[in-house]
């Protein structure tokens, strides 16, 4: 069992290090179906494993500037109370329901990533084939601006401030909703939430995939710490499984980063989405048949 746990940990670590998420999506089914752990115990073990692995991943990516610290910390702070709520609910749900919820959310996140990738590809193709371009407005190819009117300067400044406030509020709302959702899922399903964080960062906040990976790892680490604290009274873990799994996952994280550094953001996003589809279908079908 120790060897199997180490091999599974290596794979999980490579996934979370390379894609910024998906480690918990692999860890929970692996612990339940391959290592024989009960669902509630598996979610707790997953929080520990994913939390340690994500922390190592953050350190590795921070050296190259691949982490948006402000967004990551905001997500993490918002997710702390939600993680406690998710942990409380986890203790009241039976295993089939827990795993079906896990499968459903995984498939939803995967579809969102695939649809976003298709939309971006079409937009890029349209831009490449569009023969029109921006035309210069002024003589000599330089746009001309109307002369400044001191009487309207104050009004223009106020309008500019209002126009900036709108996008800032919208971004804050997205971070709040995304952070709370991810925190809840960390506590409820025992996943780091990267399978949801990455789509939120890429689709809603338009963050580049490579930056989203590092930021996702930071959010996962923060939420995992919160969830671990809320589970301190119920940490009944099989350390013979957790320790080799975690150590191998740390090694896998560093390998995953090296692999992702050689691939494009679009390739990573599509690979991440199809991984979610495969895991979601496997877990969903297995638990539907068990009903």
C-alpha atoms as a PDB file:
ATOM      1  CA  UNK A   1       0.000   0.000   0.000  1.00  0.00           C
ATOM      2  CA  UNK A   2       2.877   2.376   0.741  1.00  0.00           C
ATOM      3  CA  UNK A   3       4.298   1.970  -2.762  1.00  0.00           C
ATOM      4  CA  UNK A   4       0.885   2.521  -4.351  1.00  0.00           C
ATOM      5  CA  UNK A   5       0.311   5.613  -2.206  1.00  0.00           C
ATOM      6  CA  UNK A   6       3.685   7.009  -3.297  1.00  0.00           C
ATOM      7  CA  UNK A   7       2.983   6.395  -6.989  1.00  0.00           C
ATOM      8  CA  UNK A   8      -0.438   8.031  -6.744  1.00  0.00           C
ATOM      9  CA  UNK A   9       1.073  10.949  -4.842  1.00  0.00           C
ATOM     10  CA  UNK A  10       3.660  11.469  -7.566  1.00  0.00           C
ATOM     11  CA  UNK A  11       0.927  11.688 -10.209  1.00  0.00           C
ATOM     12  CA  UNK A  12      -1.227  14.004  -8.105  1.00  0.00           C
ATOM     13  CA  UNK A  13       1.717  16.280  -7.378  1.00  0.00           C
ATOM     14  CA  UNK A  14       2.615  16.516 -11.058  1.00  0.00           C
ATOM     15  CA  UNK A  15      -0.961  17.513 -11.864  1.00  0.00           C
ATOM     16  CA  UNK A  16      -1.264  20.179  -9.181  1.00  0.00           C
ATOM     17  CA  UNK A  17       2.225  21.537  -9.889  1.00  0.00           C
ATOM     18  CA  UNK A  18       1.656  21.678 -13.633  1.00  0.00           C
ATOM     19  CA  UNK A  19      -1.961  22.807 -13.761  1.00  0.00           C
ATOM     20  CA  UNK A  20      -2.452  24.735 -10.513  1.00  0.00           C
ATOM     21  CA  UNK A  21      -5.297  22.479  -9.453  1.00  0.00           C
ATOM     22  CA  UNK A  22      -6.904  19.141  -9.953  1.00  0.00           C
ATOM     23  CA  UNK A  23      -4.799  17.498  -7.261  1.00  0.00           C
ATOM     24  CA  UNK A  24      -7.721  17.111  -4.894  1.00  0.00           C
ATOM     25  CA  UNK A  25      -9.883  15.935  -7.768  1.00  0.00           C
ATOM     26  CA  UNK A  26      -7.456  13.041  -8.176  1.00  0.00           C
ATOM     27  CA  UNK A  27      -6.592  12.545  -4.518  1.00  0.00           C
ATOM     28  CA  UNK A  28     -10.078  11.932  -3.126  1.00  0.00           C
ATOM     29  CA  UNK A  29     -11.052   9.223  -5.674  1.00  0.00           C
ATOM     30  CA  UNK A  30      -7.596   7.637  -5.356  1.00  0.00           C
ATOM     31  CA  UNK A  31      -7.868   7.438  -1.579  1.00  0.00           C
ATOM     32  CA  UNK A  32     -11.427   6.086  -1.700  1.00  0.00           C
ATOM     33  CA  UNK A  33     -11.303   3.666  -4.641  1.00  0.00           C
ATOM     34  CA  UNK A  34      -7.650   2.605  -4.790  1.00  0.00           C
ATOM     35  CA  UNK A  35      -6.488   2.860  -1.182  1.00  0.00           C
ATOM     36  CA  UNK A  36      -9.727   1.874   0.548  1.00  0.00           C
ATOM     37  CA  UNK A  37     -10.234   4.993   2.666  1.00  0.00           C
ATOM     38  CA  UNK A  38     -13.768   6.026   3.800  1.00  0.00           C
ATOM     39  CA  UNK A  39     -15.042   9.170   2.057  1.00  0.00           C
ATOM     40  CA  UNK A  40     -14.958  11.431   5.127  1.00  0.00           C
ATOM     41  CA  UNK A  41     -11.457  10.231   6.085  1.00  0.00           C
ATOM     42  CA  UNK A  42     -10.331  10.662   2.472  1.00  0.00           C
ATOM     43  CA  UNK A  43     -11.522  14.272   2.340  1.00  0.00           C
ATOM     44  CA  UNK A  44      -9.594  15.072   5.521  1.00  0.00           C
ATOM     45  CA  UNK A  45      -6.453  13.333   4.259  1.00  0.00           C
ATOM     46  CA  UNK A  46      -6.802  15.148   0.944  1.00  0.00           C
ATOM     47  CA  UNK A  47      -6.863  18.523   2.685  1.00  0.00           C
ATOM     48  CA  UNK A  48      -3.529  17.719   4.361  1.00  0.00           C
ATOM     49  CA  UNK A  49      -1.911  16.300   1.224  1.00  0.00           C
ATOM     50  CA  UNK A  50      -3.105  19.037  -1.121  1.00  0.00           C
ATOM     51  CA  UNK A  51      -2.287  21.796   1.373  1.00  0.00           C
ATOM     52  CA  UNK A  52       1.339  20.722   1.779  1.00  0.00           C
ATOM     53  CA  UNK A  53       1.762  20.124  -1.946  1.00  0.00           C
ATOM     54  CA  UNK A  54       0.271  23.490  -2.904  1.00  0.00           C
ATOM     55  CA  UNK A  55       2.536  25.312  -0.449  1.00  0.00           C
ATOM     56  CA  UNK A  56       5.619  23.815  -2.089  1.00  0.00           C
ATOM     57  CA  UNK A  57       4.210  24.757  -5.493  1.00  0.00           C
ATOM     58  CA  UNK A  58       3.686  28.379  -4.437  1.00  0.00           C
ATOM     59  CA  UNK A  59       7.288  28.674  -3.268  1.00  0.00           C
ATOM     60  CA  UNK A  60       8.559  27.257  -6.553  1.00  0.00           C
ATOM     61  CA  UNK A  61       6.456  29.596  -8.709  1.00  0.00           C
ATOM     62  CA  UNK A  62       6.941  32.712  -6.580  1.00  0.00           C
ATOM     63  CA  UNK A  63      10.624  32.759  -7.504  1.00  0.00           C
ATOM     64  CA  UNK A  64       9.724  33.486 -11.125  1.00  0.00           C
ATOM     65  CA  UNK A  65       6.944  35.974 -10.333  1.00  0.00           C
ATOM     66  CA  UNK A  66       4.198  33.511 -11.210  1.00  0.00           C
ATOM     67  CA  UNK A  67       1.879  34.411  -8.303  1.00  0.00           C
ATOM     68  CA  UNK A  68      -0.648  37.263  -8.020  1.00  0.00           C
ATOM     69  CA  UNK A  69      -0.346  37.703  -4.251  1.00  0.00           C
ATOM     70  CA  UNK A  70      -3.074  40.317  -3.835  1.00  0.00           C
ATOM     71  CA  UNK A  71      -5.756  38.317  -5.637  1.00  0.00           C
ATOM     72  CA  UNK A  72      -4.651  35.094  -3.960  1.00  0.00           C
ATOM     73  CA  UNK A  73      -4.782  36.508  -0.442  1.00  0.00           C
ATOM     74  CA  UNK A  74      -8.181  38.119  -1.097  1.00  0.00           C
ATOM     75  CA  UNK A  75      -9.552  34.778  -2.299  1.00  0.00           C
ATOM     76  CA  UNK A  76      -8.083  32.999   0.710  1.00  0.00           C
ATOM     77  CA  UNK A  77      -9.403  35.434   3.321  1.00  0.00           C
ATOM     78  CA  UNK A  78     -12.923  35.328   1.885  1.00  0.00           C
ATOM     79  CA  UNK A  79     -12.781  31.535   1.778  1.00  0.00           C
ATOM     80  CA  UNK A  80     -11.853  30.980   5.449  1.00  0.00           C
ATOM     81  CA  UNK A  81     -15.368  31.164   6.974  1.00  0.00           C
ATOM     82  CA  UNK A  82     -16.805  29.288   3.994  1.00  0.00           C
ATOM     83  CA  UNK A  83     -14.283  26.471   4.535  1.00  0.00           C
ATOM     84  CA  UNK A  84     -15.478  26.064   8.123  1.00  0.00           C
ATOM     85  CA  UNK A  85     -19.079  25.895   6.928  1.00  0.00           C
ATOM     86  CA  UNK A  86     -18.193  23.278   4.320  1.00  0.00           C
ATOM     87  CA  UNK A  87     -16.405  21.166   6.930  1.00  0.00           C
ATOM     88  CA  UNK A  88     -19.462  21.211   9.194  1.00  0.00           C
ATOM     89  CA  UNK A  89     -21.698  20.080   6.329  1.00  0.00           C
ATOM     90  CA  UNK A  90     -19.237  17.356   5.298  1.00  0.00           C
ATOM     91  CA  UNK A  91     -19.828  15.550   8.589  1.00  0.00           C
ATOM     92  CA  UNK A  92     -23.567  15.333   7.917  1.00  0.00           C
ATOM     93  CA  UNK A  93     -23.584  13.940   4.371  1.00  0.00           C
ATOM     94  CA  UNK A  94     -23.406  10.268   3.362  1.00  0.00           C
ATOM     95  CA  UNK A  95     -20.664   8.979   1.042  1.00  0.00           C
ATOM     96  CA  UNK A  96     -22.668   8.526  -2.226  1.00  0.00           C
ATOM     97  CA  UNK A  97     -24.126  12.038  -1.969  1.00  0.00           C
ATOM     98  CA  UNK A  98     -20.704  13.493  -1.203  1.00  0.00           C
ATOM     99  CA  UNK A  99     -19.072  11.804  -4.189  1.00  0.00           C
ATOM    100  CA  UNK A 100     -21.927  12.663  -6.588  1.00  0.00           C
ATOM    101  CA  UNK A 101     -21.643  16.325  -5.596  1.00  0.00           C
ATOM    102  CA  UNK A 102     -17.921  16.033  -6.217  1.00  0.00           C
ATOM    103  CA  UNK A 103     -18.492  14.579  -9.705  1.00  0.00           C
ATOM    104  CA  UNK A 104     -21.110  17.162 -10.672  1.00  0.00           C
ATOM    105  CA  UNK A 105     -18.995  20.163  -9.755  1.00  0.00           C
ATOM    106  CA  UNK A 106     -15.997  18.674 -11.527  1.00  0.00           C
ATOM    107  CA  UNK A 107     -17.934  18.315 -14.783  1.00  0.00           C
ATOM    108  CA  UNK A 108     -19.357  21.846 -14.540  1.00  0.00           C
ATOM    109  CA  UNK A 109     -15.872  23.320 -14.116  1.00  0.00           C
ATOM    110  CA  UNK A 110     -14.568  21.240 -17.029  1.00  0.00           C
ATOM    111  CA  UNK A 111     -17.328  22.392 -19.373  1.00  0.00           C
ATOM    112  CA  UNK A 112     -16.700  26.020 -18.436  1.00  0.00           C
ATOM    113  CA  UNK A 113     -13.002  25.662 -19.245  1.00  0.00           C
ATOM    114  CA  UNK A 114     -13.639  23.953 -22.593  1.00  0.00           C
ATOM    115  CA  UNK A 115     -16.241  26.518 -23.661  1.00  0.00           C
ATOM    116  CA  UNK A 116     -13.920  29.369 -22.715  1.00  0.00           C
ATOM    117  CA  UNK A 117     -11.040  27.798 -24.671  1.00  0.00           C
ATOM    118  CA  UNK A 118     -13.271  27.417 -27.736  1.00  0.00           C
ATOM    119  CA  UNK A 119     -14.445  31.012 -27.452  1.00  0.00           C
ATOM    120  CA  UNK A 120     -10.893  32.309 -27.234  1.00  0.00           C
ATOM    121  CA  UNK A 121      -9.822  30.224 -30.222  1.00  0.00           C
ATOM    122  CA  UNK A 122     -12.664  31.596 -32.339  1.00  0.00           C
ATOM    123  CA  UNK A 123     -11.845  35.140 -31.276  1.00  0.00           C
ATOM    124  CA  UNK A 124      -8.196  34.622 -32.229  1.00  0.00           C
ATOM    125  CA  UNK A 125      -9.168  33.150 -35.604  1.00  0.00           C
ATOM    126  CA  UNK A 126     -11.503  36.070 -36.275  1.00  0.00           C
ATOM    127  CA  UNK A 127      -8.804  38.582 -35.368  1.00  0.00           C
ATOM    128  CA  UNK A 128      -6.330  36.825 -37.654  1.00  0.00           C
ATOM    129  CA  UNK A 129      -8.688  36.843 -40.647  1.00  0.00           C
ATOM    130  CA  UNK A 130     -10.168  40.327 -40.103  1.00  0.00           C
ATOM    131  CA  UNK A 131      -8.579  42.567 -42.759  1.00  0.00           C
ATOM    132  CA  UNK A 132      -9.699  45.788 -41.084  1.00  0.00           C
ATOM    133  CA  UNK A 133      -7.550  47.571 -38.562  1.00  0.00           C
ATOM    134  CA  UNK A 134      -7.649  50.681 -36.466  1.00  0.00           C
ATOM    135  CA  UNK A 135      -7.455  53.797 -38.580  1.00  0.00           C
ATOM    136  CA  UNK A 136      -5.645  56.861 -37.500  1.00  0.00           C
ATOM    137  CA  UNK A 137      -7.950  59.773 -36.731  1.00  0.00           C
ATOM    138  CA  UNK A 138      -5.661  62.667 -37.311  1.00  0.00           C
ATOM    139  CA  UNK A 139      -3.371  63.849 -40.066  1.00  0.00           C
ATOM    140  CA  UNK A 140      -0.144  61.954 -40.457  1.00  0.00           C
ATOM    141  CA  UNK A 141      -1.636  58.873 -38.784  1.00  0.00           C
ATOM    142  CA  UNK A 142      -1.877  60.473 -35.359  1.00  0.00           C
ATOM    143  CA  UNK A 143      -5.160  60.781 -33.535  1.00  0.00           C
ATOM    144  CA  UNK A 144      -6.011  64.336 -32.598  1.00  0.00           C
ATOM    145  CA  UNK A 145      -7.642  65.291 -29.324  1.00  0.00           C
ATOM    146  CA  UNK A 146      -9.867  68.282 -28.732  1.00  0.00           C
ATOM    147  CA  UNK A 147      -8.388  71.160 -26.845  1.00  0.00           C
ATOM    148  CA  UNK A 148      -8.788  70.944 -23.096  1.00  0.00           C
ATOM    149  CA  UNK A 149     -11.594  73.071 -21.606  1.00  0.00           C
ATOM    150  CA  UNK A 150     -10.810  74.123 -18.021  1.00  0.00           C
ATOM    151  CA  UNK A 151     -14.532  74.498 -17.353  1.00  0.00           C
ATOM    152  CA  UNK A 152     -15.168  70.801 -17.927  1.00  0.00           C
ATOM    153  CA  UNK A 153     -12.011  69.387 -16.311  1.00  0.00           C
ATOM    154  CA  UNK A 154     -13.704  68.651 -12.969  1.00  0.00           C
ATOM    155  CA  UNK A 155     -16.638  66.896 -14.607  1.00  0.00           C
ATOM    156  CA  UNK A 156     -14.335  64.799 -16.778  1.00  0.00           C
ATOM    157  CA  UNK A 157     -12.286  63.762 -13.736  1.00  0.00           C
ATOM    158  CA  UNK A 158     -15.384  62.724 -11.799  1.00  0.00           C
ATOM    159  CA  UNK A 159     -16.649  60.734 -14.768  1.00  0.00           C
ATOM    160  CA  UNK A 160     -13.291  58.994 -15.104  1.00  0.00           C
ATOM    161  CA  UNK A 161     -13.328  58.036 -11.423  1.00  0.00           C
ATOM    162  CA  UNK A 162     -16.838  56.600 -11.723  1.00  0.00           C
ATOM    163  CA  UNK A 163     -15.832  54.639 -14.809  1.00  0.00           C
ATOM    164  CA  UNK A 164     -12.929  53.124 -12.876  1.00  0.00           C
ATOM    165  CA  UNK A 165     -15.051  52.306  -9.814  1.00  0.00           C
ATOM    166  CA  UNK A 166     -17.438  50.113 -11.818  1.00  0.00           C
ATOM    167  CA  UNK A 167     -14.859  47.537 -12.973  1.00  0.00           C
ATOM    168  CA  UNK A 168     -13.217  47.528  -9.523  1.00  0.00           C
ATOM    169  CA  UNK A 169     -16.518  46.716  -7.818  1.00  0.00           C
ATOM    170  CA  UNK A 170     -17.256  44.021 -10.389  1.00  0.00           C
ATOM    171  CA  UNK A 171     -13.836  42.442  -9.821  1.00  0.00           C
ATOM    172  CA  UNK A 172     -14.285  42.583  -6.041  1.00  0.00           C
ATOM    173  CA  UNK A 173     -17.663  40.861  -6.367  1.00  0.00           C
ATOM    174  CA  UNK A 174     -16.158  38.103  -8.527  1.00  0.00           C
ATOM    175  CA  UNK A 175     -13.343  37.561  -6.026  1.00  0.00           C
ATOM    176  CA  UNK A 176     -15.828  37.427  -3.130  1.00  0.00           C
ATOM    177  CA  UNK A 177     -18.117  34.908  -4.834  1.00  0.00           C
ATOM    178  CA  UNK A 178     -15.232  32.831  -6.152  1.00  0.00           C
ATOM    179  CA  UNK A 179     -13.359  32.865  -2.839  1.00  0.00           C
ATOM    180  CA  UNK A 180     -16.400  31.840  -0.816  1.00  0.00           C
ATOM    181  CA  UNK A 181     -17.263  29.061  -3.272  1.00  0.00           C
ATOM    182  CA  UNK A 182     -13.743  27.663  -3.273  1.00  0.00           C
ATOM    183  CA  UNK A 183     -13.472  27.848   0.516  1.00  0.00           C
ATOM    184  CA  UNK A 184     -16.751  25.984   0.934  1.00  0.00           C
ATOM    185  CA  UNK A 185     -15.671  23.266  -1.506  1.00  0.00           C
ATOM    186  CA  UNK A 186     -12.342  22.851   0.281  1.00  0.00           C
ATOM    187  CA  UNK A 187     -14.140  22.135   3.520  1.00  0.00           C
ATOM    188  CA  UNK A 188     -17.008  20.116   2.050  1.00  0.00           C
ATOM    189  CA  UNK A 189     -15.256  17.963  -0.556  1.00  0.00           C
ATOM    190  CA  UNK A 190     -11.693  17.948   0.734  1.00  0.00           C
ATOM    191  CA  UNK A 191     -10.337  19.389  -2.499  1.00  0.00           C
ATOM    192  CA  UNK A 192      -8.089  22.393  -2.749  1.00  0.00           C
ATOM    193  CA  UNK A 193     -10.592  23.989  -5.086  1.00  0.00           C
ATOM    194  CA  UNK A 194      -8.088  24.466  -7.901  1.00  0.00           C
ATOM    195  CA  UNK A 195     -10.476  22.848 -10.357  1.00  0.00           C
ATOM    196  CA  UNK A 196     -12.789  25.799  -9.647  1.00  0.00           C
ATOM    197  CA  UNK A 197     -10.176  28.475  -8.907  1.00  0.00           C
ATOM    198  CA  UNK A 198      -8.418  28.165 -12.256  1.00  0.00           C
ATOM    199  CA  UNK A 199     -11.624  28.591 -14.312  1.00  0.00           C
ATOM    200  CA  UNK A 200     -12.648  31.571 -12.142  1.00  0.00           C
ATOM    201  CA  UNK A 201      -9.263  33.273 -12.539  1.00  0.00           C
ATOM    202  CA  UNK A 202      -9.019  32.575 -16.269  1.00  0.00           C
ATOM    203  CA  UNK A 203     -12.637  33.120 -17.311  1.00  0.00           C
ATOM    204  CA  UNK A 204     -13.962  35.721 -14.862  1.00  0.00           C
ATOM    205  CA  UNK A 205     -10.799  37.692 -14.077  1.00  0.00           C
ATOM    206  CA  UNK A 206      -9.129  37.142 -17.500  1.00  0.00           C
ATOM    207  CA  UNK A 207      -5.865  36.133 -15.852  1.00  0.00           C
ATOM    208  CA  UNK A 208      -3.215  34.445 -18.042  1.00  0.00           C
ATOM    209  CA  UNK A 209      -3.138  30.684 -17.504  1.00  0.00           C
ATOM    210  CA  UNK A 210       0.473  30.631 -16.307  1.00  0.00           C
ATOM    211  CA  UNK A 211      -0.236  33.293 -13.646  1.00  0.00           C
ATOM    212  CA  UNK A 212      -3.537  31.625 -12.714  1.00  0.00           C
ATOM    213  CA  UNK A 213      -1.674  28.389 -11.908  1.00  0.00           C
ATOM    214  CA  UNK A 214       0.592  29.992  -9.302  1.00  0.00           C
ATOM    215  CA  UNK A 215      -2.205  32.102  -7.834  1.00  0.00           C
ATOM    216  CA  UNK A 216      -4.435  29.043  -7.611  1.00  0.00           C
ATOM    217  CA  UNK A 217      -1.770  27.221  -5.595  1.00  0.00           C
ATOM    218  CA  UNK A 218      -1.648  30.105  -3.115  1.00  0.00           C
ATOM    219  CA  UNK A 219      -5.441  30.046  -2.713  1.00  0.00           C
ATOM    220  CA  UNK A 220      -5.419  26.262  -2.291  1.00  0.00           C
ATOM    221  CA  UNK A 221      -2.747  26.485   0.420  1.00  0.00           C
ATOM    222  CA  UNK A 222      -4.651  29.153   2.369  1.00  0.00           C
ATOM    223  CA  UNK A 223      -7.975  27.330   2.182  1.00  0.00           C
ATOM    224  CA  UNK A 224      -6.361  24.029   3.130  1.00  0.00           C
ATOM    225  CA  UNK A 225      -4.863  25.544   6.276  1.00  0.00           C
ATOM    226  CA  UNK A 226      -8.275  26.908   7.257  1.00  0.00           C
ATOM    227  CA  UNK A 227      -9.963  23.569   6.645  1.00  0.00           C
ATOM    228  CA  UNK A 228      -7.257  21.678   8.569  1.00  0.00           C
ATOM    229  CA  UNK A 229      -7.736  23.944  11.586  1.00  0.00           C
ATOM    230  CA  UNK A 230     -11.484  23.306  11.542  1.00  0.00           C
ATOM    231  CA  UNK A 231     -10.828  19.532  11.468  1.00  0.00           C
ATOM    232  CA  UNK A 232      -8.304  19.408  14.322  1.00  0.00           C
ATOM    233  CA  UNK A 233     -10.723  17.580  16.588  1.00  0.00           C
ATOM    234  CA  UNK A 234     -11.382  14.896  13.984  1.00  0.00           C
ATOM    235  CA  UNK A 235      -7.979  14.244  12.416  1.00  0.00           C
ATOM    236  CA  UNK A 236      -8.147  10.459  12.297  1.00  0.00           C
ATOM    237  CA  UNK A 237      -5.755   9.751   9.455  1.00  0.00           C
ATOM    238  CA  UNK A 238      -4.008   6.642   8.211  1.00  0.00           C
ATOM    239  CA  UNK A 239      -0.501   8.073   8.309  1.00  0.00           C
ATOM    240  CA  UNK A 240       0.898   4.999   6.533  1.00  0.00           C
ATOM    241  CA  UNK A 241      -0.962   6.295   3.489  1.00  0.00           C
ATOM    242  CA  UNK A 242      -0.811  10.054   4.058  1.00  0.00           C
ATOM    243  CA  UNK A 243       2.953  10.390   4.633  1.00  0.00           C
ATOM    244  CA  UNK A 244       4.253   8.570   1.511  1.00  0.00           C
ATOM    245  CA  UNK A 245       1.460  10.100  -0.575  1.00  0.00           C
ATOM    246  CA  UNK A 246       2.400  13.610   0.558  1.00  0.00           C
ATOM    247  CA  UNK A 247       6.168  13.208   0.171  1.00  0.00           C
ATOM    248  CA  UNK A 248       5.787  11.822  -3.342  1.00  0.00           C
ATOM    249  CA  UNK A 249       3.311  14.580  -4.199  1.00  0.00           C
ATOM    250  CA  UNK A 250       5.864  17.233  -3.229  1.00  0.00           C
ATOM    251  CA  UNK A 251       8.372  15.712  -5.650  1.00  0.00           C
ATOM    252  CA  UNK A 252       5.662  15.495  -8.310  1.00  0.00           C
ATOM    253  CA  UNK A 253       4.827  19.177  -7.853  1.00  0.00           C
ATOM    254  CA  UNK A 254       8.349  20.226  -8.790  1.00  0.00           C
ATOM    255  CA  UNK A 255       8.297  17.925 -11.817  1.00  0.00           C
ATOM    256  CA  UNK A 256       4.907  19.291 -12.867  1.00  0.00           C
ATOM    257  CA  UNK A 257       6.200  22.847 -12.784  1.00  0.00           C
ATOM    258  CA  UNK A 258       9.073  21.939 -15.095  1.00  0.00           C
ATOM    259  CA  UNK A 259       6.657  20.348 -17.558  1.00  0.00           C
ATOM    260  CA  UNK A 260       4.210  23.275 -17.501  1.00  0.00           C
ATOM    261  CA  UNK A 261       7.025  25.766 -18.147  1.00  0.00           C
ATOM    262  CA  UNK A 262       7.465  24.144 -21.568  1.00  0.00           C
ATOM    263  CA  UNK A 263       3.781  24.254 -22.597  1.00  0.00           C
ATOM    264  CA  UNK A 264       1.463  27.074 -23.694  1.00  0.00           C
ATOM    265  CA  UNK A 265      -1.333  28.369 -21.478  1.00  0.00           C
ATOM    266  CA  UNK A 266      -3.983  27.162 -23.936  1.00  0.00           C
ATOM    267  CA  UNK A 267      -2.562  23.635 -23.982  1.00  0.00           C
ATOM    268  CA  UNK A 268      -2.475  23.537 -20.180  1.00  0.00           C
ATOM    269  CA  UNK A 269      -6.066  24.776 -19.955  1.00  0.00           C
ATOM    270  CA  UNK A 270      -7.419  22.165 -22.354  1.00  0.00           C
ATOM    271  CA  UNK A 271      -5.452  19.370 -20.654  1.00  0.00           C
ATOM    272  CA  UNK A 272      -6.804  20.486 -17.297  1.00  0.00           C
ATOM    273  CA  UNK A 273     -10.396  20.508 -18.562  1.00  0.00           C
ATOM    274  CA  UNK A 274     -10.230  17.020 -20.075  1.00  0.00           C
ATOM    275  CA  UNK A 275      -8.680  15.669 -16.889  1.00  0.00           C
ATOM    276  CA  UNK A 276     -11.698  17.018 -15.009  1.00  0.00           C
ATOM    277  CA  UNK A 277     -14.080  15.401 -17.498  1.00  0.00           C
ATOM    278  CA  UNK A 278     -12.447  11.992 -17.063  1.00  0.00           C
ATOM    279  CA  UNK A 279     -12.456  12.110 -13.267  1.00  0.00           C
ATOM    280  CA  UNK A 280     -15.979  13.521 -13.054  1.00  0.00           C
ATOM    281  CA  UNK A 281     -17.429  10.830 -15.313  1.00  0.00           C
ATOM    282  CA  UNK A 282     -15.631   8.038 -13.465  1.00  0.00           C
ATOM    283  CA  UNK A 283     -16.765   9.161 -10.013  1.00  0.00           C
ATOM    284  CA  UNK A 284     -20.292  10.015 -11.161  1.00  0.00           C
ATOM    285  CA  UNK A 285     -20.969   6.738 -12.973  1.00  0.00           C
ATOM    286  CA  UNK A 286     -19.503   4.665 -10.166  1.00  0.00           C
ATOM    287  CA  UNK A 287     -21.685   6.283  -7.510  1.00  0.00           C
ATOM    288  CA  UNK A 288     -24.832   6.280  -9.644  1.00  0.00           C
ATOM    289  CA  UNK A 289     -24.450   2.529 -10.109  1.00  0.00           C
ATOM    290  CA  UNK A 290     -24.039   2.142  -6.354  1.00  0.00           C
ATOM    291  CA  UNK A 291     -27.388   3.804  -5.562  1.00  0.00           C
END
